[in-house]
Amino acid sequence: MSLINQIDQDIKQAMLAKQADRLRGLRAIKSALLLARTEKGAAEDLTPEAEIKVLQKLVKQRKESAEIYKTQNREDLYQIEIDEMKVIEPYLPTQMTRFEIEGYLQEVISRVGATSVSDMGKVMGIANKELAGQADGRTISEVVKQLLG
């Protein structure tokens, strides 16, 4: 079952169960997927990788908004963002732990032959491609700097 069909089913269930918070998050996912599908130059159907990128973007937006609301002491809006993020995250692949990322990146560094921070671009290019959907780019960057620095 495609992600959009799964979201449609989950929207129906959330409506029947009168879960307003869950429904808001699911509608955000559906809206973003439909927008991505109808973008100029987009293919008829989104690939699973493209769907993951859309979901990651949604989670990132919610995290950033939540941080802003937290600093402005807007607990009500902060909670809305956190609730939507909790609805979106289960549709993403399981995220790797920092320890798993470190182990994987050590293997990439040895494969590429990187020895210093100046080789970070080579490592990041491969790591971002291979870990797409499984790790956050910021975390990958931090670990690469730590390992090469």
N, C-alpha and C. Protein backbone atom coordinates (compact mmCIF):
# COMPACT_ATOMS: atom_id res chain seq x y z
N MET A 1 0.85 -1.17 0.00
CA MET A 1 0.00 0.00 0.00
C MET A 1 0.90 1.24 0.00
N SER A 2 0.59 2.18 -0.87
CA SER A 2 1.40 3.39 -0.94
C SER A 2 1.16 4.25 0.30
N LEU A 3 2.07 5.17 0.53
CA LEU A 3 1.97 6.02 1.71
C LEU A 3 0.71 6.88 1.68
N ILE A 4 0.38 7.41 0.53
CA ILE A 4 -0.80 8.28 0.44
C ILE A 4 -2.08 7.49 0.75
N ASN A 5 -2.14 6.23 0.31
CA ASN A 5 -3.30 5.39 0.62
C ASN A 5 -3.35 5.07 2.11
N GLN A 6 -2.19 4.83 2.70
CA GLN A 6 -2.11 4.56 4.14
C GLN A 6 -2.57 5.79 4.93
N ILE A 7 -2.15 6.96 4.49
CA ILE A 7 -2.55 8.20 5.15
C ILE A 7 -4.06 8.39 5.05
N ASP A 8 -4.63 8.12 3.86
CA ASP A 8 -6.09 8.23 3.68
C ASP A 8 -6.83 7.31 4.66
N GLN A 9 -6.35 6.08 4.79
CA GLN A 9 -6.98 5.14 5.73
C GLN A 9 -6.88 5.65 7.17
N ASP A 10 -5.69 6.17 7.52
CA ASP A 10 -5.48 6.66 8.88
C ASP A 10 -6.33 7.91 9.16
N ILE A 11 -6.54 8.74 8.13
CA ILE A 11 -7.40 9.92 8.28
C ILE A 11 -8.83 9.47 8.60
N LYS A 12 -9.31 8.47 7.87
CA LYS A 12 -10.67 7.96 8.12
C LYS A 12 -10.79 7.44 9.55
N GLN A 13 -9.79 6.68 10.00
CA GLN A 13 -9.82 6.14 11.36
C GLN A 13 -9.79 7.26 12.40
N ALA A 14 -8.95 8.28 12.16
CA ALA A 14 -8.86 9.39 13.10
C ALA A 14 -10.17 10.18 13.15
N MET A 15 -10.83 10.30 12.00
CA MET A 15 -12.12 11.01 11.97
C MET A 15 -13.17 10.23 12.76
N LEU A 16 -13.20 8.92 12.56
CA LEU A 16 -14.17 8.09 13.28
C LEU A 16 -13.92 8.10 14.78
N ALA A 17 -12.65 8.13 15.16
CA ALA A 17 -12.29 8.12 16.57
C ALA A 17 -12.29 9.53 17.19
N LYS A 18 -12.56 10.54 16.36
CA LYS A 18 -12.60 11.93 16.79
C LYS A 18 -11.28 12.36 17.45
N GLN A 19 -10.18 12.01 16.79
CA GLN A 19 -8.84 12.38 17.26
C GLN A 19 -8.37 13.62 16.51
N ALA A 20 -8.72 14.78 17.02
CA ALA A 20 -8.45 16.03 16.31
C ALA A 20 -6.95 16.28 16.11
N ASP A 21 -6.14 16.01 17.13
CA ASP A 21 -4.69 16.25 17.00
C ASP A 21 -4.08 15.36 15.94
N ARG A 22 -4.42 14.09 15.98
CA ARG A 22 -3.90 13.13 14.99
C ARG A 22 -4.38 13.51 13.59
N LEU A 23 -5.61 13.90 13.49
CA LEU A 23 -6.19 14.28 12.20
C LEU A 23 -5.46 15.48 11.59
N ARG A 24 -5.12 16.46 12.43
CA ARG A 24 -4.40 17.64 11.96
C ARG A 24 -3.04 17.24 11.39
N GLY A 25 -2.32 16.36 12.07
CA GLY A 25 -1.02 15.90 11.59
C GLY A 25 -1.12 15.09 10.30
N LEU A 26 -2.12 14.23 10.22
CA LEU A 26 -2.31 13.41 9.02
C LEU A 26 -2.68 14.26 7.82
N ARG A 27 -3.50 15.28 8.05
CA ARG A 27 -3.87 16.16 6.95
C ARG A 27 -2.66 16.97 6.47
N ALA A 28 -1.77 17.31 7.38
CA ALA A 28 -0.54 18.02 7.00
C ALA A 28 0.32 17.13 6.10
N ILE A 29 0.40 15.85 6.45
CA ILE A 29 1.17 14.90 5.63
C ILE A 29 0.55 14.79 4.24
N LYS A 30 -0.75 14.58 4.21
CA LYS A 30 -1.43 14.41 2.92
C LYS A 30 -1.26 15.65 2.05
N SER A 31 -1.41 16.81 2.64
CA SER A 31 -1.25 18.06 1.90
C SER A 31 0.15 18.19 1.32
N ALA A 32 1.16 17.90 2.12
CA ALA A 32 2.55 18.01 1.66
C ALA A 32 2.84 17.01 0.54
N LEU A 33 2.31 15.79 0.66
CA LEU A 33 2.53 14.78 -0.37
C LEU A 33 1.83 15.18 -1.68
N LEU A 34 0.63 15.70 -1.57
CA LEU A 34 -0.08 16.13 -2.78
C LEU A 34 0.63 17.30 -3.45
N LEU A 35 1.13 18.23 -2.65
CA LEU A 35 1.89 19.35 -3.20
C LEU A 35 3.15 18.86 -3.91
N ALA A 36 3.85 17.91 -3.28
CA ALA A 36 5.07 17.38 -3.89
C ALA A 36 4.74 16.65 -5.19
N ARG A 37 3.62 15.97 -5.23
CA ARG A 37 3.24 15.22 -6.43
C ARG A 37 2.88 16.15 -7.58
N THR A 38 2.33 17.32 -7.27
CA THR A 38 1.88 18.23 -8.32
C THR A 38 2.88 19.33 -8.65
N GLU A 39 4.05 19.30 -8.01
CA GLU A 39 5.07 20.30 -8.32
C GLU A 39 5.48 20.22 -9.78
N LYS A 40 5.90 21.34 -10.30
CA LYS A 40 6.33 21.40 -11.69
C LYS A 40 7.53 20.47 -11.88
N GLY A 41 7.42 19.59 -12.85
CA GLY A 41 8.50 18.67 -13.16
C GLY A 41 8.50 17.40 -12.32
N ALA A 42 7.54 17.25 -11.43
CA ALA A 42 7.49 16.05 -10.60
C ALA A 42 6.89 14.89 -11.39
N ALA A 43 7.28 13.69 -11.02
CA ALA A 43 6.75 12.49 -11.66
C ALA A 43 5.30 12.28 -11.23
N GLU A 44 4.60 11.40 -11.93
CA GLU A 44 3.20 11.11 -11.61
C GLU A 44 3.05 10.66 -10.15
N ASP A 45 3.84 9.68 -9.75
CA ASP A 45 3.82 9.21 -8.37
C ASP A 45 5.16 9.50 -7.73
N LEU A 46 5.14 9.75 -6.43
CA LEU A 46 6.37 10.00 -5.70
C LEU A 46 7.06 8.68 -5.40
N THR A 47 8.38 8.68 -5.48
CA THR A 47 9.14 7.50 -5.09
C THR A 47 9.13 7.43 -3.56
N PRO A 48 9.38 6.25 -3.01
CA PRO A 48 9.46 6.16 -1.54
C PRO A 48 10.51 7.11 -0.95
N GLU A 49 11.62 7.31 -1.68
CA GLU A 49 12.67 8.21 -1.19
C GLU A 49 12.14 9.65 -1.14
N ALA A 50 11.38 10.04 -2.16
CA ALA A 50 10.82 11.39 -2.20
C ALA A 50 9.79 11.58 -1.08
N GLU A 51 9.01 10.53 -0.82
CA GLU A 51 8.04 10.60 0.27
C GLU A 51 8.75 10.79 1.61
N ILE A 52 9.83 10.07 1.80
CA ILE A 52 10.61 10.19 3.05
C ILE A 52 11.15 11.61 3.20
N LYS A 53 11.65 12.17 2.09
CA LYS A 53 12.18 13.54 2.15
C LYS A 53 11.09 14.53 2.54
N VAL A 54 9.89 14.34 2.01
CA VAL A 54 8.77 15.23 2.35
C VAL A 54 8.46 15.12 3.84
N LEU A 55 8.41 13.88 4.34
CA LEU A 55 8.10 13.69 5.76
C LEU A 55 9.21 14.26 6.65
N GLN A 56 10.46 14.08 6.24
CA GLN A 56 11.57 14.64 7.02
C GLN A 56 11.48 16.15 7.07
N LYS A 57 11.10 16.75 5.96
CA LYS A 57 10.96 18.20 5.89
C LYS A 57 9.87 18.66 6.87
N LEU A 58 8.76 17.92 6.89
CA LEU A 58 7.67 18.27 7.81
C LEU A 58 8.12 18.19 9.27
N VAL A 59 8.86 17.14 9.61
CA VAL A 59 9.34 16.99 10.98
C VAL A 59 10.31 18.11 11.32
N LYS A 60 11.20 18.42 10.39
CA LYS A 60 12.18 19.49 10.63
C LYS A 60 11.47 20.82 10.85
N GLN A 61 10.46 21.11 10.04
CA GLN A 61 9.70 22.36 10.20
C GLN A 61 9.06 22.42 11.58
N ARG A 62 8.49 21.30 12.01
CA ARG A 62 7.83 21.28 13.32
C ARG A 62 8.83 21.46 14.45
N LYS A 63 10.00 20.84 14.33
CA LYS A 63 11.03 21.00 15.36
C LYS A 63 11.47 22.45 15.47
N GLU A 64 11.71 23.08 14.33
CA GLU A 64 12.16 24.47 14.33
C GLU A 64 11.07 25.39 14.89
N SER A 65 9.84 25.16 14.49
CA SER A 65 8.74 25.98 15.01
C SER A 65 8.58 25.78 16.51
N ALA A 66 8.69 24.53 16.96
CA ALA A 66 8.55 24.24 18.38
C ALA A 66 9.62 24.96 19.19
N GLU A 67 10.85 24.98 18.68
CA GLU A 67 11.94 25.67 19.38
C GLU A 67 11.64 27.16 19.49
N ILE A 68 11.14 27.74 18.41
CA ILE A 68 10.81 29.17 18.42
C ILE A 68 9.70 29.45 19.44
N TYR A 69 8.66 28.62 19.41
CA TYR A 69 7.55 28.82 20.35
C TYR A 69 8.01 28.64 21.79
N LYS A 70 8.92 27.72 22.01
CA LYS A 70 9.43 27.47 23.36
C LYS A 70 10.16 28.71 23.88
N THR A 71 11.01 29.31 23.01
CA THR A 71 11.75 30.50 23.44
C THR A 71 10.83 31.70 23.67
N GLN A 72 9.69 31.71 22.99
CA GLN A 72 8.73 32.81 23.15
C GLN A 72 7.69 32.52 24.22
N ASN A 73 7.88 31.44 24.95
CA ASN A 73 6.95 31.03 26.01
C ASN A 73 5.52 30.87 25.52
N ARG A 74 5.38 30.30 24.33
CA ARG A 74 4.05 30.01 23.77
C ARG A 74 3.82 28.50 23.88
N GLU A 75 3.56 28.05 25.08
CA GLU A 75 3.41 26.63 25.36
C GLU A 75 2.28 25.99 24.54
N ASP A 76 1.20 26.74 24.30
CA ASP A 76 0.07 26.22 23.54
C ASP A 76 0.48 25.87 22.11
N LEU A 77 1.18 26.78 21.44
CA LEU A 77 1.62 26.53 20.07
C LEU A 77 2.75 25.50 20.03
N TYR A 78 3.60 25.53 21.04
CA TYR A 78 4.69 24.55 21.14
C TYR A 78 4.10 23.14 21.18
N GLN A 79 3.07 22.94 21.99
CA GLN A 79 2.47 21.62 22.14
C GLN A 79 1.83 21.15 20.84
N ILE A 80 1.23 22.05 20.08
CA ILE A 80 0.62 21.68 18.79
C ILE A 80 1.70 21.13 17.85
N GLU A 81 2.83 21.82 17.79
CA GLU A 81 3.92 21.39 16.91
C GLU A 81 4.46 20.02 17.34
N ILE A 82 4.63 19.83 18.63
CA ILE A 82 5.14 18.55 19.15
C ILE A 82 4.14 17.43 18.85
N ASP A 83 2.86 17.70 19.03
CA ASP A 83 1.83 16.68 18.75
C ASP A 83 1.84 16.29 17.28
N GLU A 84 1.96 17.27 16.38
CA GLU A 84 2.00 16.96 14.95
C GLU A 84 3.26 16.17 14.60
N MET A 85 4.36 16.52 15.23
CA MET A 85 5.62 15.80 14.98
C MET A 85 5.48 14.33 15.40
N LYS A 86 4.79 14.08 16.50
CA LYS A 86 4.59 12.72 16.98
C LYS A 86 3.70 11.91 16.02
N VAL A 87 2.82 12.59 15.30
CA VAL A 87 1.97 11.91 14.32
C VAL A 87 2.77 11.58 13.06
N ILE A 88 3.67 12.47 12.65
CA ILE A 88 4.43 12.29 11.41
C ILE A 88 5.54 11.26 11.56
N GLU A 89 6.24 11.26 12.68
CA GLU A 89 7.44 10.42 12.85
C GLU A 89 7.23 8.92 12.63
N PRO A 90 6.11 8.33 13.02
CA PRO A 90 5.94 6.88 12.77
C PRO A 90 5.97 6.48 11.30
N TYR A 91 5.73 7.42 10.40
CA TYR A 91 5.74 7.11 8.97
C TYR A 91 7.15 7.16 8.38
N LEU A 92 8.11 7.59 9.19
CA LEU A 92 9.51 7.64 8.75
C LEU A 92 10.21 6.34 9.11
N PRO A 93 11.28 6.00 8.38
CA PRO A 93 12.05 4.82 8.77
C PRO A 93 12.66 5.03 10.17
N THR A 94 12.99 3.94 10.82
CA THR A 94 13.60 4.02 12.14
C THR A 94 14.92 4.78 12.05
N GLN A 95 15.08 5.73 12.95
CA GLN A 95 16.29 6.54 12.97
C GLN A 95 17.42 5.79 13.68
N MET A 96 18.61 5.95 13.15
CA MET A 96 19.79 5.31 13.75
C MET A 96 20.18 6.07 15.01
N THR A 97 20.76 5.35 15.96
CA THR A 97 21.28 6.01 17.15
C THR A 97 22.62 6.66 16.81
N ARG A 98 23.06 7.56 17.67
CA ARG A 98 24.35 8.22 17.44
C ARG A 98 25.48 7.19 17.39
N PHE A 99 25.40 6.18 18.24
CA PHE A 99 26.43 5.12 18.27
C PHE A 99 26.46 4.37 16.93
N GLU A 100 25.29 4.04 16.39
CA GLU A 100 25.22 3.36 15.09
C GLU A 100 25.76 4.24 13.97
N ILE A 101 25.45 5.53 14.04
CA ILE A 101 25.94 6.47 13.04
C ILE A 101 27.47 6.54 13.09
N GLU A 102 28.02 6.62 14.29
CA GLU A 102 29.48 6.68 14.44
C GLU A 102 30.14 5.45 13.82
N GLY A 103 29.61 4.27 14.11
CA GLY A 103 30.18 3.04 13.55
C GLY A 103 30.10 3.03 12.03
N TYR A 104 28.98 3.44 11.50
CA TYR A 104 28.81 3.46 10.05
C TYR A 104 29.76 4.47 9.42
N LEU A 105 29.86 5.64 10.02
CA LEU A 105 30.73 6.68 9.46
C LEU A 105 32.21 6.32 9.53
N GLN A 106 32.61 5.59 10.55
CA GLN A 106 33.99 5.11 10.61
C GLN A 106 34.30 4.21 9.43
N GLU A 107 33.33 3.39 9.06
CA GLU A 107 33.50 2.51 7.90
C GLU A 107 33.58 3.34 6.61
N VAL A 108 32.74 4.36 6.49
CA VAL A 108 32.76 5.23 5.30
C VAL A 108 34.09 5.98 5.22
N ILE A 109 34.56 6.48 6.35
CA ILE A 109 35.84 7.22 6.38
C ILE A 109 36.98 6.33 5.92
N SER A 110 37.01 5.09 6.39
CA SER A 110 38.09 4.19 5.97
C SER A 110 37.94 3.80 4.50
N ARG A 111 36.71 3.65 4.03
CA ARG A 111 36.46 3.31 2.63
C ARG A 111 36.93 4.44 1.70
N VAL A 112 36.67 5.69 2.09
CA VAL A 112 37.03 6.84 1.28
C VAL A 112 38.51 7.19 1.45
N GLY A 113 39.06 6.83 2.59
CA GLY A 113 40.45 7.17 2.87
C GLY A 113 40.60 8.57 3.42
N ALA A 114 39.57 9.08 4.09
CA ALA A 114 39.60 10.42 4.65
C ALA A 114 40.50 10.44 5.89
N THR A 115 41.29 11.51 5.99
CA THR A 115 42.21 11.62 7.12
C THR A 115 42.06 12.91 7.91
N SER A 116 41.46 13.94 7.31
CA SER A 116 41.32 15.21 8.01
C SER A 116 39.99 15.86 7.67
N VAL A 117 39.73 16.98 8.33
CA VAL A 117 38.48 17.70 8.12
C VAL A 117 38.34 18.18 6.67
N SER A 118 39.45 18.34 5.98
CA SER A 118 39.38 18.77 4.57
C SER A 118 38.74 17.70 3.68
N ASP A 119 38.69 16.47 4.14
CA ASP A 119 38.05 15.38 3.40
C ASP A 119 36.58 15.22 3.78
N MET A 120 36.06 16.13 4.57
CA MET A 120 34.69 16.01 5.07
C MET A 120 33.66 15.96 3.95
N GLY A 121 33.87 16.71 2.87
CA GLY A 121 32.93 16.74 1.76
C GLY A 121 32.74 15.37 1.13
N LYS A 122 33.84 14.63 0.96
CA LYS A 122 33.74 13.28 0.38
C LYS A 122 32.89 12.37 1.26
N VAL A 123 33.18 12.42 2.55
CA VAL A 123 32.47 11.56 3.50
C VAL A 123 30.99 11.95 3.58
N MET A 124 30.72 13.25 3.64
CA MET A 124 29.33 13.72 3.76
C MET A 124 28.51 13.34 2.53
N GLY A 125 29.09 13.44 1.35
CA GLY A 125 28.37 13.09 0.13
C GLY A 125 27.89 11.65 0.15
N ILE A 126 28.78 10.76 0.50
CA ILE A 126 28.44 9.33 0.56
C ILE A 126 27.48 9.05 1.71
N ALA A 127 27.78 9.61 2.88
CA ALA A 127 26.98 9.33 4.07
C ALA A 127 25.54 9.84 3.91
N ASN A 128 25.38 11.04 3.38
CA ASN A 128 24.02 11.56 3.21
C ASN A 128 23.21 10.73 2.24
N LYS A 129 23.87 10.20 1.21
CA LYS A 129 23.16 9.35 0.25
C LYS A 129 22.76 8.02 0.88
N GLU A 130 23.72 7.39 1.55
CA GLU A 130 23.48 6.05 2.09
C GLU A 130 22.62 6.05 3.35
N LEU A 131 22.64 7.13 4.10
CA LEU A 131 21.87 7.18 5.34
C LEU A 131 20.58 7.99 5.20
N ALA A 132 20.20 8.30 3.97
CA ALA A 132 18.99 9.10 3.74
C ALA A 132 17.79 8.46 4.42
N GLY A 133 17.12 9.25 5.23
CA GLY A 133 15.93 8.76 5.92
C GLY A 133 16.22 8.06 7.24
N GLN A 134 17.48 7.70 7.45
CA GLN A 134 17.81 6.97 8.67
C GLN A 134 18.55 7.82 9.69
N ALA A 135 19.09 8.96 9.24
CA ALA A 135 19.82 9.84 10.15
C ALA A 135 19.69 11.28 9.68
N ASP A 136 19.69 12.18 10.62
CA ASP A 136 19.59 13.60 10.35
C ASP A 136 20.93 14.13 9.84
N GLY A 137 20.88 14.98 8.83
CA GLY A 137 22.09 15.52 8.23
C GLY A 137 22.96 16.27 9.22
N ARG A 138 22.33 16.98 10.15
CA ARG A 138 23.08 17.72 11.16
C ARG A 138 23.86 16.77 12.06
N THR A 139 23.24 15.67 12.46
CA THR A 139 23.91 14.69 13.30
C THR A 139 25.07 14.05 12.56
N ILE A 140 24.84 13.71 11.29
CA ILE A 140 25.91 13.13 10.48
C ILE A 140 27.09 14.08 10.42
N SER A 141 26.81 15.35 10.17
CA SER A 141 27.87 16.37 10.08
C SER A 141 28.65 16.48 11.38
N GLU A 142 27.95 16.50 12.51
CA GLU A 142 28.61 16.60 13.81
C GLU A 142 29.53 15.41 14.06
N VAL A 143 29.04 14.22 13.73
CA VAL A 143 29.84 13.01 13.97
C VAL A 143 31.06 12.97 13.05
N VAL A 144 30.87 13.37 11.79
CA VAL A 144 32.01 13.39 10.85
C VAL A 144 33.08 14.37 11.35
N LYS A 145 32.68 15.55 11.79
CA LYS A 145 33.64 16.53 12.33
C LYS A 145 34.38 15.95 13.53
N GLN A 146 33.63 15.28 14.40
CA GLN A 146 34.22 14.68 15.59
C GLN A 146 35.24 13.61 15.22
N LEU A 147 34.88 12.77 14.25
CA LEU A 147 35.77 11.66 13.87
C LEU A 147 36.99 12.13 13.09
N LEU A 148 36.83 13.15 12.27
CA LEU A 148 37.95 13.65 11.46
C LEU A 148 38.78 14.71 12.17
N GLY A 149 38.18 15.38 13.16
CA GLY A 149 38.85 16.48 13.84
C GLY A 149 39.67 15.98 14.95
